[in-house]
Amino acid sequence: MDLPPPEHTLAFVGTHVRLPTIGELTISSEQGLVLVDSRSGAIAAIVDLASEDEATQAARAHLALLVPAQVTKIRRAQFLMPGFVDGHAHAPQYAFHGTGLDLPLLDWLERYTFPTESKFKDVNYARRIYASAVARHLRYGTTTCAYFGTIHREATEELVRQVRTAGQRAHVGKVSMDRNSPPNYIEPSAEVAAAESALFVSNVLASRAKEEPHGVGVGGKRPALVTPAVIPRFAPSCTPPLMKALGELSRRGDGSGQKLPVHTHLSENASECAWVAEMHPEASCYADVYKRSGLLHERTYFAHCCHCNRTERTLLHEHGAGVVHCAASNFLVGGALCNVRRWLEEGVPVALGTDVSGGWSASMLDAIRQSVITSNLVSRMPDEEQPTRKWKPLSWQETLWLATQGGANVLGLGDVTGGLEPGRQFDALLVDVAPLCGGSFCVFDEDDVLTSLEKFLFTGDDRHIISVYVAGRRVAGASHAAYREHGDAAEAGKEADAVIKNAKTIRERAADENPRPLKMPKAK
């Protein structure tokens, strides 16, 4: 086991939750140990201090060399878990999130979205909104987010600065649109739009060393925080020449051989799909429009995909593209349900997204809840393609994986983030199910860690997320004032110690001779 020097080591001792594969959970004992290399931000080792194997003995000896400031003790009412990955969010729409959700998509765009986004030509306005949006996403535990900007390059570069300053990991792209848009919110030509997108990519890459002092580690070991993305808003707002130019940009990449991700929309609303079919009679389907422009490949991920037929689903699978399921906005402005189980069974990777502001909340907890509701509804409805087919609903464990590792995979960051695994970046949440400052749910003596995790996912909020880590740095979290008032929190809360006093139950359920992942009992 190759451990970092003691002076560059961070340690987290206590219960942690891991998600090795979709639908599976492993929960450590209270003596779980996660060691992090503070230089690279990566997880160096994960062991159980109760074990006596050689790796654990080495980790235990390493832990003894650390000073208290390097060690975070996870108390009984707490657990560590992977940070959330939001696969689709409109940063400028945070300005009006929670409003206008009584309209269908195309009307909503005209009355709310385009008028608001046009204001971002003012970089000062953009700075104010973006600072708030990024802070809110981080506070809700989103360690990685895929952001749409606007058509304004300077404002979108400001979004990049806000993400970097806050310490979040993100895909960020300047939106391109040169048709079917208001006169005050449209780019003058395909050539100008494509050139501005290319310049945005160039500027983001050139500013990394200066703006990501904590994001680019010694010897380049630490992955960059911000990845520039290519964003055609959606096919109706981009002419074929513009889409072809953006497709070329995504393949040409950043000049160092690193090709770029493509982030856009697909088949969100029935009226939108009909519109695309009318505009592009040469294409076999909506997805084929993107394919013909060189925008459909293994780095492409599409938000929504509610109305994709078999031809479209096959195209996405064949080209290695991903889907971002935005349950809340699908209910509202999209007016449709997405069958996530079908996508997964057909081999297409799926992430979850908040789609602020088509979705009312920037919280991935809400995205998880709405995804479970959607899946339950889909399982009870007849399938148009297979009338006798009954779809199995997603379990909450599966949905949590989609909100973490699944999202990282769709964004092409599966080896960087998404899970608590050695070699991954330490992008994690420290959750307290009984914060002294109050919370949104109750836990009881008989509640084990698995039960507490489930309660947090369905009834918790940001008050329970007391620390948010990205690349080993604490970048957000609920106030610790209530703990500081009582001195050491371990002594402050007899009630917190009593909350999950039977944590040994988890150990009995999670381990035998060969530890097995915890699985939800089969439905009766």
Protein backbone atom coordinates (compact mmCIF):
# COMPACT_ATOMS: atom_id res chain seq x y z
CA MET A 1 0.00 0.00 0.00
CA ASP A 2 1.56 3.27 -1.17
CA LEU A 3 0.66 5.93 1.43
CA PRO A 4 1.42 9.66 1.18
CA PRO A 5 3.92 11.23 3.60
CA PRO A 6 2.33 11.85 7.02
CA GLU A 7 2.52 15.62 6.56
CA HIS A 8 0.36 15.30 3.41
CA THR A 9 -2.21 12.88 4.83
CA LEU A 10 -5.78 13.50 5.95
CA ALA A 11 -7.66 10.81 7.87
CA PHE A 12 -11.37 10.17 8.39
CA VAL A 13 -12.18 7.63 11.07
CA GLY A 14 -15.70 6.22 11.42
CA THR A 15 -18.65 4.92 9.42
CA HIS A 16 -18.61 5.43 5.68
CA VAL A 17 -20.96 4.37 2.88
CA ARG A 18 -19.66 2.98 -0.40
CA LEU A 19 -21.56 2.20 -3.61
CA PRO A 20 -19.52 -0.39 -5.53
CA THR A 21 -22.14 -1.16 -8.19
CA ILE A 22 -25.64 -0.02 -8.98
CA GLY A 23 -28.10 -1.10 -6.30
CA GLU A 24 -25.47 -2.22 -3.79
CA LEU A 25 -24.25 -0.59 -0.60
CA THR A 26 -21.44 -1.44 1.77
CA ILE A 27 -21.31 0.25 5.15
CA SER A 28 -18.12 0.18 7.17
CA SER A 29 -17.89 -0.37 10.89
CA GLU A 30 -17.34 2.54 13.27
CA GLN A 31 -13.63 1.79 12.85
CA GLY A 32 -13.54 2.47 9.15
CA LEU A 33 -10.54 4.54 8.03
CA VAL A 34 -10.22 6.65 4.87
CA LEU A 35 -6.78 8.12 4.16
CA VAL A 36 -6.50 11.03 1.70
CA ASP A 37 -3.42 12.49 0.02
CA SER A 38 -3.81 16.24 0.50
CA ARG A 39 -1.45 16.96 -2.42
CA SER A 40 -3.48 15.16 -5.06
CA GLY A 41 -6.88 15.19 -3.32
CA ALA A 42 -7.13 11.44 -3.96
CA ILE A 43 -8.11 8.63 -1.61
CA ALA A 44 -4.94 6.73 -0.72
CA ALA A 45 -6.44 3.83 1.25
CA ILE A 46 -9.63 2.54 2.87
CA VAL A 47 -9.38 -0.05 5.64
CA ASP A 48 -11.18 -1.29 8.75
CA LEU A 49 -9.04 -0.63 11.81
CA ALA A 50 -10.57 -3.67 13.50
CA SER A 51 -8.83 -5.91 10.96
CA GLU A 52 -5.35 -7.32 11.47
CA ASP A 53 -4.25 -7.72 7.87
CA GLU A 54 -0.99 -6.25 6.64
CA ALA A 55 -2.58 -3.26 4.89
CA THR A 56 -4.54 -2.30 7.98
CA GLN A 57 -1.49 -2.55 10.19
CA ALA A 58 0.37 -0.20 7.85
CA ALA A 59 -2.55 2.24 7.82
CA ARG A 60 -2.84 2.10 11.61
CA ALA A 61 0.86 2.88 12.01
CA HIS A 62 0.48 5.75 9.51
CA LEU A 63 -2.51 7.13 11.43
CA ALA A 64 -0.44 7.22 14.63
CA LEU A 65 1.94 9.69 12.98
CA LEU A 66 -0.75 12.29 12.29
CA VAL A 67 -1.55 15.28 14.46
CA PRO A 68 -5.19 15.84 15.62
CA ALA A 69 -5.78 18.56 13.02
CA GLN A 70 -5.28 15.98 10.28
CA VAL A 71 -7.84 13.56 11.68
CA THR A 72 -11.63 13.90 11.39
CA LYS A 73 -13.49 11.61 13.77
CA ILE A 74 -16.88 10.58 12.43
CA ARG A 75 -19.22 10.21 15.38
CA ARG A 76 -21.99 7.68 15.83
CA ALA A 77 -24.72 9.91 14.48
CA GLN A 78 -22.69 10.61 11.33
CA PHE A 79 -21.49 8.87 8.20
CA LEU A 80 -19.32 9.71 5.21
CA MET A 81 -20.72 9.17 1.71
CA PRO A 82 -19.86 10.09 -1.91
CA GLY A 83 -20.75 13.60 -3.06
CA PHE A 84 -23.65 14.11 -5.47
CA VAL A 85 -23.18 14.58 -9.22
CA ASP A 86 -25.77 16.81 -10.93
CA GLY A 87 -25.76 15.95 -14.62
CA HIS A 88 -27.82 18.90 -15.85
CA ALA A 89 -28.37 22.38 -14.40
CA HIS A 90 -28.89 25.82 -15.95
CA ALA A 91 -26.84 28.18 -13.79
CA PRO A 92 -28.49 31.41 -15.08
CA GLN A 93 -31.96 30.02 -14.43
CA TYR A 94 -31.21 29.94 -10.72
CA ALA A 95 -32.29 33.59 -10.87
CA PHE A 96 -35.94 32.52 -11.27
CA HIS A 97 -35.98 28.96 -9.97
CA GLY A 98 -39.26 27.97 -8.36
CA THR A 99 -41.34 30.18 -10.68
CA GLY A 100 -43.13 29.70 -13.99
CA LEU A 101 -43.62 25.97 -13.56
CA ASP A 102 -47.24 26.04 -14.69
CA LEU A 103 -46.27 26.38 -18.37
CA PRO A 104 -45.28 23.86 -21.06
CA LEU A 105 -41.69 23.91 -22.30
CA LEU A 106 -41.84 26.21 -25.33
CA ASP A 107 -44.07 28.79 -23.59
CA TRP A 108 -41.86 28.62 -20.50
CA LEU A 109 -38.77 29.34 -22.60
CA GLU A 110 -40.35 32.41 -24.19
CA ARG A 111 -41.85 33.92 -21.04
CA TYR A 112 -39.20 33.13 -18.42
CA THR A 113 -35.99 31.60 -19.72
CA PHE A 114 -34.95 33.75 -22.65
CA PRO A 115 -35.81 37.12 -21.00
CA THR A 116 -33.79 36.17 -17.91
CA GLU A 117 -30.83 34.71 -19.75
CA SER A 118 -30.57 37.80 -21.95
CA LYS A 119 -29.65 39.80 -18.82
CA PHE A 120 -26.38 37.92 -18.54
CA LYS A 121 -24.75 40.17 -21.09
CA ASP A 122 -24.07 42.20 -17.95
CA VAL A 123 -21.14 40.39 -16.32
CA ASN A 124 -21.79 42.07 -12.96
CA TYR A 125 -25.31 40.66 -12.95
CA ALA A 126 -23.93 37.28 -13.96
CA ARG A 127 -21.37 37.34 -11.15
CA ARG A 128 -24.06 37.93 -8.53
CA ILE A 129 -26.38 35.18 -9.75
CA TYR A 130 -23.65 32.65 -10.45
CA ALA A 131 -22.00 33.09 -7.06
CA SER A 132 -25.33 32.33 -5.41
CA ALA A 133 -26.14 29.41 -7.69
CA VAL A 134 -22.81 27.65 -7.21
CA ALA A 135 -22.91 28.19 -3.45
CA ARG A 136 -26.40 26.70 -3.27
CA HIS A 137 -25.48 23.60 -5.29
CA LEU A 138 -22.45 23.02 -3.07
CA ARG A 139 -24.43 23.55 0.11
CA TYR A 140 -26.83 20.84 -1.07
CA GLY A 141 -23.92 18.42 -1.44
CA THR A 142 -23.35 18.62 -5.21
CA THR A 143 -19.61 18.15 -5.51
CA THR A 144 -19.77 17.90 -9.33
CA CYS A 145 -22.22 19.77 -11.56
CA ALA A 146 -22.77 20.04 -15.32
CA TYR A 147 -23.75 23.68 -15.93
CA PHE A 148 -25.27 25.41 -18.93
CA GLY A 149 -24.23 29.05 -19.15
CA THR A 150 -25.74 31.52 -21.64
CA ILE A 151 -24.72 32.69 -25.12
CA HIS A 152 -22.49 35.32 -23.48
CA ARG A 153 -18.88 34.14 -23.42
CA GLU A 154 -17.64 36.64 -20.82
CA ALA A 155 -20.48 35.81 -18.44
CA THR A 156 -19.89 32.07 -18.85
CA GLU A 157 -16.20 32.61 -18.11
CA GLU A 158 -17.39 34.33 -14.94
CA LEU A 159 -19.36 31.18 -14.11
CA VAL A 160 -16.13 29.21 -14.46
CA ARG A 161 -14.40 31.60 -12.06
CA GLN A 162 -17.20 31.23 -9.51
CA VAL A 163 -17.02 27.44 -9.72
CA ARG A 164 -13.27 27.47 -9.26
CA THR A 165 -13.38 29.98 -6.42
CA ALA A 166 -15.95 27.87 -4.60
CA GLY A 167 -13.89 24.72 -5.16
CA GLN A 168 -16.57 22.73 -6.99
CA ARG A 169 -15.92 20.24 -9.78
CA ALA A 170 -17.88 20.98 -12.96
CA HIS A 171 -18.49 20.80 -16.67
CA VAL A 172 -19.27 24.33 -17.89
CA GLY A 173 -20.26 25.40 -21.38
CA LYS A 174 -21.21 28.51 -23.30
CA VAL A 175 -24.61 28.00 -24.89
CA SER A 176 -24.84 28.28 -28.69
CA MET A 177 -28.02 29.32 -30.51
CA ASP A 178 -28.41 31.12 -33.84
CA ARG A 179 -32.07 30.60 -34.78
CA ASN A 180 -35.60 30.48 -33.30
CA SER A 181 -34.66 32.80 -30.47
CA PRO A 182 -35.66 36.34 -29.45
CA PRO A 183 -33.93 39.23 -31.26
CA ASN A 184 -32.18 40.28 -28.03
CA TYR A 185 -31.00 36.76 -27.24
CA ILE A 186 -29.51 35.21 -30.34
CA GLU A 187 -26.06 35.01 -31.87
CA PRO A 188 -25.56 36.86 -35.16
CA SER A 189 -24.35 33.87 -37.19
CA ALA A 190 -23.16 30.29 -37.00
CA GLU A 191 -19.60 31.48 -37.60
CA VAL A 192 -19.69 33.92 -34.67
CA ALA A 193 -21.36 31.40 -32.35
CA ALA A 194 -18.82 28.68 -33.15
CA ALA A 195 -15.87 31.06 -32.82
CA GLU A 196 -17.10 32.29 -29.43
CA SER A 197 -17.46 28.70 -28.21
CA ALA A 198 -13.93 27.86 -29.36
CA LEU A 199 -12.57 30.99 -27.67
CA PHE A 200 -14.42 30.06 -24.47
CA VAL A 201 -12.75 26.63 -24.45
CA SER A 202 -9.34 28.18 -25.10
CA ASN A 203 -9.74 30.76 -22.33
CA VAL A 204 -10.93 28.21 -19.76
CA LEU A 205 -7.91 26.02 -20.43
CA ALA A 206 -5.45 28.92 -20.45
CA SER A 207 -6.70 30.18 -17.07
CA ARG A 208 -6.46 26.85 -15.23
CA ALA A 209 -3.06 27.36 -13.63
CA LYS A 210 -3.98 30.81 -12.35
CA GLU A 211 -7.57 30.18 -11.24
CA GLU A 212 -7.25 26.61 -9.95
CA PRO A 213 -4.35 26.78 -7.48
CA HIS A 214 -6.01 23.98 -5.51
CA GLY A 215 -7.29 22.18 -8.59
CA VAL A 216 -4.04 21.35 -10.33
CA GLY A 217 -1.74 19.44 -8.03
CA VAL A 218 1.98 18.83 -7.82
CA GLY A 219 3.18 17.20 -11.02
CA GLY A 220 -0.30 17.45 -12.48
CA LYS A 221 -1.57 14.73 -10.14
CA ARG A 222 -4.74 16.57 -9.22
CA PRO A 223 -7.40 16.63 -11.99
CA ALA A 224 -8.59 20.04 -13.07
CA LEU A 225 -11.82 21.18 -11.45
CA VAL A 226 -13.49 22.65 -14.55
CA THR A 227 -13.87 20.90 -17.89
CA PRO A 228 -15.18 23.05 -20.77
CA ALA A 229 -18.17 21.55 -22.58
CA VAL A 230 -19.71 22.11 -26.00
CA ILE A 231 -23.36 23.14 -25.66
CA PRO A 232 -25.77 23.51 -28.57
CA ARG A 233 -28.89 24.51 -26.64
CA PHE A 234 -31.02 22.07 -28.60
CA ALA A 235 -31.56 21.32 -32.27
CA PRO A 236 -34.38 23.85 -32.86
CA SER A 237 -32.18 26.76 -31.80
CA CYS A 238 -29.07 25.81 -33.80
CA THR A 239 -28.69 25.84 -37.58
CA PRO A 240 -27.03 22.82 -39.24
CA PRO A 241 -23.82 24.82 -39.98
CA LEU A 242 -23.53 25.77 -36.31
CA MET A 243 -24.11 22.22 -35.11
CA LYS A 244 -21.52 20.89 -37.54
CA ALA A 245 -18.99 23.46 -36.33
CA LEU A 246 -19.70 22.50 -32.70
CA GLY A 247 -19.35 18.83 -33.57
CA GLU A 248 -15.93 19.55 -35.03
CA LEU A 249 -14.97 21.53 -31.90
CA SER A 250 -15.92 18.60 -29.69
CA ARG A 251 -13.73 16.26 -31.76
CA ARG A 252 -10.86 18.73 -32.12
CA GLY A 253 -10.85 19.23 -28.38
CA ASP A 254 -8.55 21.35 -26.31
CA GLY A 255 -5.48 21.17 -28.50
CA SER A 256 -3.71 18.59 -26.34
CA GLY A 257 -5.57 15.57 -27.63
CA GLN A 258 -8.26 15.82 -24.97
CA LYS A 259 -11.62 15.80 -26.73
CA LEU A 260 -14.56 17.71 -25.30
CA PRO A 261 -17.91 16.61 -23.86
CA VAL A 262 -21.18 17.62 -25.53
CA HIS A 263 -24.08 18.56 -23.27
CA THR A 264 -27.53 19.28 -24.71
CA HIS A 265 -31.25 18.38 -24.70
CA LEU A 266 -33.14 15.59 -26.43
CA SER A 267 -36.83 14.64 -26.69
CA GLU A 268 -38.04 16.55 -23.66
CA ASN A 269 -41.47 17.58 -24.87
CA ALA A 270 -43.87 16.16 -27.49
CA SER A 271 -44.32 19.55 -29.22
CA GLU A 272 -40.54 19.99 -29.36
CA CYS A 273 -40.13 16.54 -30.97
CA ALA A 274 -42.76 17.34 -33.59
CA TRP A 275 -41.05 20.65 -34.30
CA VAL A 276 -37.69 18.97 -34.84
CA ALA A 277 -39.26 16.39 -37.18
CA GLU A 278 -40.76 19.22 -39.22
CA MET A 279 -37.47 21.13 -39.37
CA HIS A 280 -35.34 18.10 -40.21
CA PRO A 281 -37.21 15.76 -42.57
CA GLU A 282 -33.87 14.33 -43.68
CA ALA A 283 -33.23 12.83 -40.23
CA SER A 284 -34.63 9.47 -39.13
CA CYS A 285 -35.25 10.80 -35.61
CA TYR A 286 -34.35 13.64 -33.26
CA ALA A 287 -31.08 12.00 -32.17
CA ASP A 288 -30.11 11.56 -35.82
CA VAL A 289 -30.00 15.35 -36.17
CA TYR A 290 -27.15 15.40 -33.67
CA LYS A 291 -25.48 12.40 -35.28
CA ARG A 292 -25.43 14.04 -38.71
CA SER A 293 -23.65 17.03 -37.15
CA GLY A 294 -20.96 14.99 -35.43
CA LEU A 295 -22.42 15.76 -32.00
CA LEU A 296 -23.37 12.20 -31.06
CA HIS A 297 -20.48 10.23 -29.56
CA GLU A 298 -19.20 8.65 -26.34
CA ARG A 299 -18.74 12.07 -24.66
CA THR A 300 -22.30 13.26 -25.36
CA TYR A 301 -24.95 13.35 -22.69
CA PHE A 302 -28.55 14.36 -23.28
CA ALA A 303 -30.95 15.79 -20.72
CA HIS A 304 -34.51 14.37 -20.54
CA CYS A 305 -34.94 11.77 -23.34
CA CYS A 306 -38.58 11.19 -22.36
CA HIS A 307 -39.92 10.51 -25.86
CA CYS A 308 -37.04 8.56 -27.40
CA ASN A 309 -38.23 5.72 -29.62
CA ARG A 310 -36.35 2.48 -30.22
CA THR A 311 -34.38 4.01 -33.13
CA GLU A 312 -33.12 6.85 -30.94
CA ARG A 313 -32.30 4.56 -28.03
CA THR A 314 -30.30 2.33 -30.36
CA LEU A 315 -28.37 5.32 -31.70
CA LEU A 316 -27.43 6.45 -28.20
CA HIS A 317 -26.32 2.96 -27.25
CA GLU A 318 -24.28 2.45 -30.40
CA HIS A 319 -22.47 5.76 -29.94
CA GLY A 320 -21.87 5.42 -26.20
CA ALA A 321 -23.91 8.50 -25.27
CA GLY A 322 -25.55 9.03 -21.89
CA VAL A 323 -28.90 10.20 -20.55
CA VAL A 324 -29.52 12.68 -17.72
CA HIS A 325 -32.84 11.97 -16.05
CA CYS A 326 -34.47 15.19 -14.79
CA ALA A 327 -37.58 13.87 -13.09
CA ALA A 328 -38.95 17.14 -11.68
CA SER A 329 -38.76 19.15 -14.89
CA ASN A 330 -40.02 16.17 -16.89
CA PHE A 331 -43.16 16.26 -14.74
CA LEU A 332 -43.60 19.98 -15.20
CA VAL A 333 -42.31 21.77 -18.30
CA GLY A 334 -41.62 18.51 -20.13
CA GLY A 335 -44.96 16.92 -19.40
CA ALA A 336 -43.69 13.35 -19.65
CA LEU A 337 -42.11 10.46 -17.75
CA CYS A 338 -38.77 8.89 -18.55
CA ASN A 339 -38.40 5.12 -18.18
CA VAL A 340 -34.94 4.92 -16.61
CA ARG A 341 -35.13 1.14 -16.15
CA ARG A 342 -35.51 0.71 -19.91
CA TRP A 343 -32.44 2.85 -20.61
CA LEU A 344 -30.38 0.86 -18.12
CA GLU A 345 -31.53 -2.50 -19.46
CA GLU A 346 -30.64 -1.36 -22.99
CA GLY A 347 -27.12 -0.50 -21.86
CA VAL A 348 -27.30 3.31 -21.90
CA PRO A 349 -25.69 5.01 -18.86
CA VAL A 350 -27.95 7.30 -16.84
CA ALA A 351 -27.28 10.23 -14.51
CA LEU A 352 -29.68 12.36 -12.49
CA GLY A 353 -30.08 16.11 -12.89
CA THR A 354 -31.94 18.89 -11.11
CA ASP A 355 -32.47 20.91 -14.32
CA VAL A 356 -32.75 24.16 -12.40
CA SER A 357 -34.96 25.97 -13.19
CA GLY A 358 -37.20 23.54 -15.06
CA GLY A 359 -36.82 21.66 -11.79
CA TRP A 360 -37.73 23.74 -8.77
CA SER A 361 -34.83 22.72 -6.54
CA ALA A 362 -31.03 22.64 -6.83
CA SER A 363 -30.95 19.74 -4.37
CA MET A 364 -30.00 16.30 -5.63
CA LEU A 365 -31.98 14.92 -2.70
CA ASP A 366 -35.08 16.20 -4.50
CA ALA A 367 -33.82 14.66 -7.75
CA ILE A 368 -33.48 11.29 -6.02
CA ARG A 369 -36.98 11.48 -4.54
CA GLN A 370 -38.63 12.52 -7.78
CA SER A 371 -36.78 9.79 -9.66
CA VAL A 372 -38.13 7.14 -7.29
CA ILE A 373 -41.66 8.53 -7.69
CA THR A 374 -41.32 8.55 -11.48
CA SER A 375 -40.07 4.98 -11.54
CA ASN A 376 -42.97 3.82 -9.41
CA LEU A 377 -45.43 5.53 -11.75
CA VAL A 378 -43.80 4.00 -14.83
CA SER A 379 -44.02 0.54 -13.25
CA ARG A 380 -47.80 0.90 -12.89
CA MET A 381 -48.52 2.22 -16.37
CA PRO A 382 -48.94 0.23 -19.60
CA ASP A 383 -45.93 0.25 -21.89
CA GLU A 384 -46.74 1.44 -25.43
CA GLU A 385 -44.00 -0.70 -26.98
CA GLN A 386 -44.54 -3.80 -24.83
CA PRO A 387 -48.14 -3.78 -23.52
CA THR A 388 -47.62 -6.87 -21.35
CA ARG A 389 -44.33 -5.66 -19.86
CA LYS A 390 -44.25 -4.63 -16.20
CA TRP A 391 -41.22 -2.54 -15.32
CA LYS A 392 -39.46 -3.03 -12.01
CA PRO A 393 -39.27 0.25 -10.05
CA LEU A 394 -35.88 1.65 -9.18
CA SER A 395 -34.85 1.01 -5.58
CA TRP A 396 -33.56 3.93 -3.57
CA GLN A 397 -30.14 2.26 -3.55
CA GLU A 398 -30.09 2.22 -7.35
CA THR A 399 -31.23 5.83 -7.50
CA LEU A 400 -28.52 6.92 -5.05
CA TRP A 401 -25.93 5.26 -7.29
CA LEU A 402 -27.30 7.16 -10.29
CA ALA A 403 -26.93 10.40 -8.29
CA THR A 404 -23.26 9.67 -7.53
CA GLN A 405 -21.22 7.13 -9.50
CA GLY A 406 -23.74 6.91 -12.34
CA GLY A 407 -23.56 10.65 -12.86
CA ALA A 408 -19.76 10.63 -12.81
CA ASN A 409 -19.76 7.87 -15.44
CA VAL A 410 -22.09 9.82 -17.76
CA LEU A 411 -19.86 12.90 -17.48
CA GLY A 412 -16.78 10.85 -18.32
CA LEU A 413 -15.43 11.32 -14.79
CA GLY A 414 -16.04 7.81 -13.51
CA ASP A 415 -12.35 7.26 -12.73
CA VAL A 416 -12.07 10.66 -11.05
CA THR A 417 -15.08 10.95 -8.77
CA GLY A 418 -18.45 9.41 -7.88
CA GLY A 419 -17.44 6.96 -5.16
CA LEU A 420 -15.27 6.41 -2.12
CA GLU A 421 -12.65 4.22 -3.74
CA PRO A 422 -8.83 4.31 -3.59
CA GLY A 423 -7.47 6.42 -6.42
CA ARG A 424 -10.63 8.52 -6.79
CA GLN A 425 -10.74 12.13 -5.72
CA PHE A 426 -12.05 12.60 -2.20
CA ASP A 427 -15.34 14.26 -3.18
CA ALA A 428 -17.52 13.41 -0.22
CA LEU A 429 -20.22 14.45 2.22
CA LEU A 430 -20.16 14.16 6.00
CA VAL A 431 -23.79 13.67 7.01
CA ASP A 432 -25.09 14.10 10.56
CA VAL A 433 -28.51 12.54 11.13
CA ALA A 434 -28.92 14.31 14.45
CA PRO A 435 -27.40 17.80 14.14
CA LEU A 436 -27.64 19.80 17.34
CA CYS A 437 -28.93 22.75 15.34
CA GLY A 438 -32.04 20.78 14.45
CA GLY A 439 -33.02 18.88 11.35
CA SER A 440 -35.88 17.71 9.20
CA PHE A 441 -36.38 14.16 10.52
CA CYS A 442 -36.01 11.98 13.59
CA VAL A 443 -33.90 8.92 14.21
CA PHE A 444 -34.49 6.51 17.05
CA ASP A 445 -32.48 4.06 19.11
CA GLU A 446 -33.43 1.15 16.90
CA ASP A 447 -32.43 2.93 13.66
CA ASP A 448 -29.19 1.59 12.20
CA VAL A 449 -27.00 3.38 9.65
CA LEU A 450 -28.85 1.92 6.67
CA THR A 451 -32.16 3.22 8.02
CA SER A 452 -30.64 6.60 8.83
CA LEU A 453 -29.23 6.89 5.30
CA GLU A 454 -32.63 6.12 3.80
CA LYS A 455 -34.31 8.68 6.07
CA PHE A 456 -31.73 11.27 5.07
CA LEU A 457 -32.32 10.67 1.36
CA PHE A 458 -36.10 10.98 1.60
CA THR A 459 -36.60 13.54 4.38
CA GLY A 460 -33.22 15.22 4.94
CA ASP A 461 -31.95 18.58 3.77
CA ASP A 462 -28.78 20.65 3.78
CA ARG A 463 -28.82 21.06 7.57
CA HIS A 464 -27.73 17.44 7.81
CA ILE A 465 -24.77 17.92 5.43
CA ILE A 466 -22.22 19.32 7.84
CA SER A 467 -19.19 19.09 5.52
CA VAL A 468 -18.77 19.00 1.74
CA TYR A 469 -15.36 17.95 0.44
CA VAL A 470 -13.98 18.30 -3.07
CA ALA A 471 -10.51 16.95 -3.78
CA GLY A 472 -9.90 16.62 -0.06
CA ARG A 473 -10.78 20.24 0.77
CA ARG A 474 -13.79 21.23 2.86
CA VAL A 475 -15.64 23.67 0.59
CA ALA A 476 -19.10 23.88 2.18
CA GLY A 477 -21.30 22.52 4.91
CA ALA A 478 -23.82 23.41 7.59
CA SER A 479 -22.62 25.66 10.38
CA HIS A 480 -20.60 24.06 13.14
CA ALA A 481 -21.57 26.83 15.58
CA ALA A 482 -23.95 24.62 17.53
CA TYR A 483 -21.17 22.12 18.10
CA ARG A 484 -18.60 24.74 19.04
CA GLU A 485 -20.93 26.17 21.65
CA HIS A 486 -20.71 22.89 23.52
CA GLY A 487 -16.99 22.30 23.06
CA ASP A 488 -16.12 18.89 21.66
CA ALA A 489 -19.13 17.57 19.83
CA ALA A 490 -18.37 14.01 20.88
CA GLU A 491 -19.04 15.05 24.47
CA ALA A 492 -21.72 17.58 23.62
CA GLY A 493 -24.27 15.09 22.50
CA LYS A 494 -25.21 12.24 24.72
CA GLU A 495 -28.31 12.25 22.60
CA ALA A 496 -26.18 11.91 19.46
CA ASP A 497 -24.37 8.91 20.94
CA ALA A 498 -27.71 7.30 21.73
CA VAL A 499 -29.12 7.81 18.25
CA ILE A 500 -27.37 4.89 16.60
CA LYS A 501 -26.00 2.94 19.54
CA ASN A 502 -26.62 -0.34 17.75
CA ALA A 503 -24.24 0.32 14.87
CA LYS A 504 -22.93 -3.20 15.40
CA THR A 505 -26.14 -4.34 13.72
CA ILE A 506 -24.85 -2.87 10.47
CA ARG A 507 -21.64 -4.78 10.84
CA GLU A 508 -23.50 -8.03 11.33
CA ARG A 509 -25.63 -7.32 8.27
CA ALA A 510 -22.77 -6.10 6.12
CA ALA A 511 -20.08 -8.68 6.83
CA ASP A 512 -19.46 -12.36 7.30
CA GLU A 513 -16.40 -14.31 6.17
CA ASN A 514 -16.62 -12.51 2.83
CA PRO A 515 -18.37 -9.13 3.23
CA ARG A 516 -21.37 -8.78 0.95
CA PRO A 517 -23.03 -5.55 -0.16
CA LEU A 518 -26.25 -4.70 1.59
CA LYS A 519 -29.30 -5.09 -0.61
CA MET A 520 -32.87 -3.97 -0.18
CA PRO A 521 -35.19 -6.91 0.69
CA LYS A 522 -37.28 -8.09 -2.20
CA ALA A 523 -40.76 -6.63 -2.37
CA LYS A 524 -43.42 -8.95 -0.99
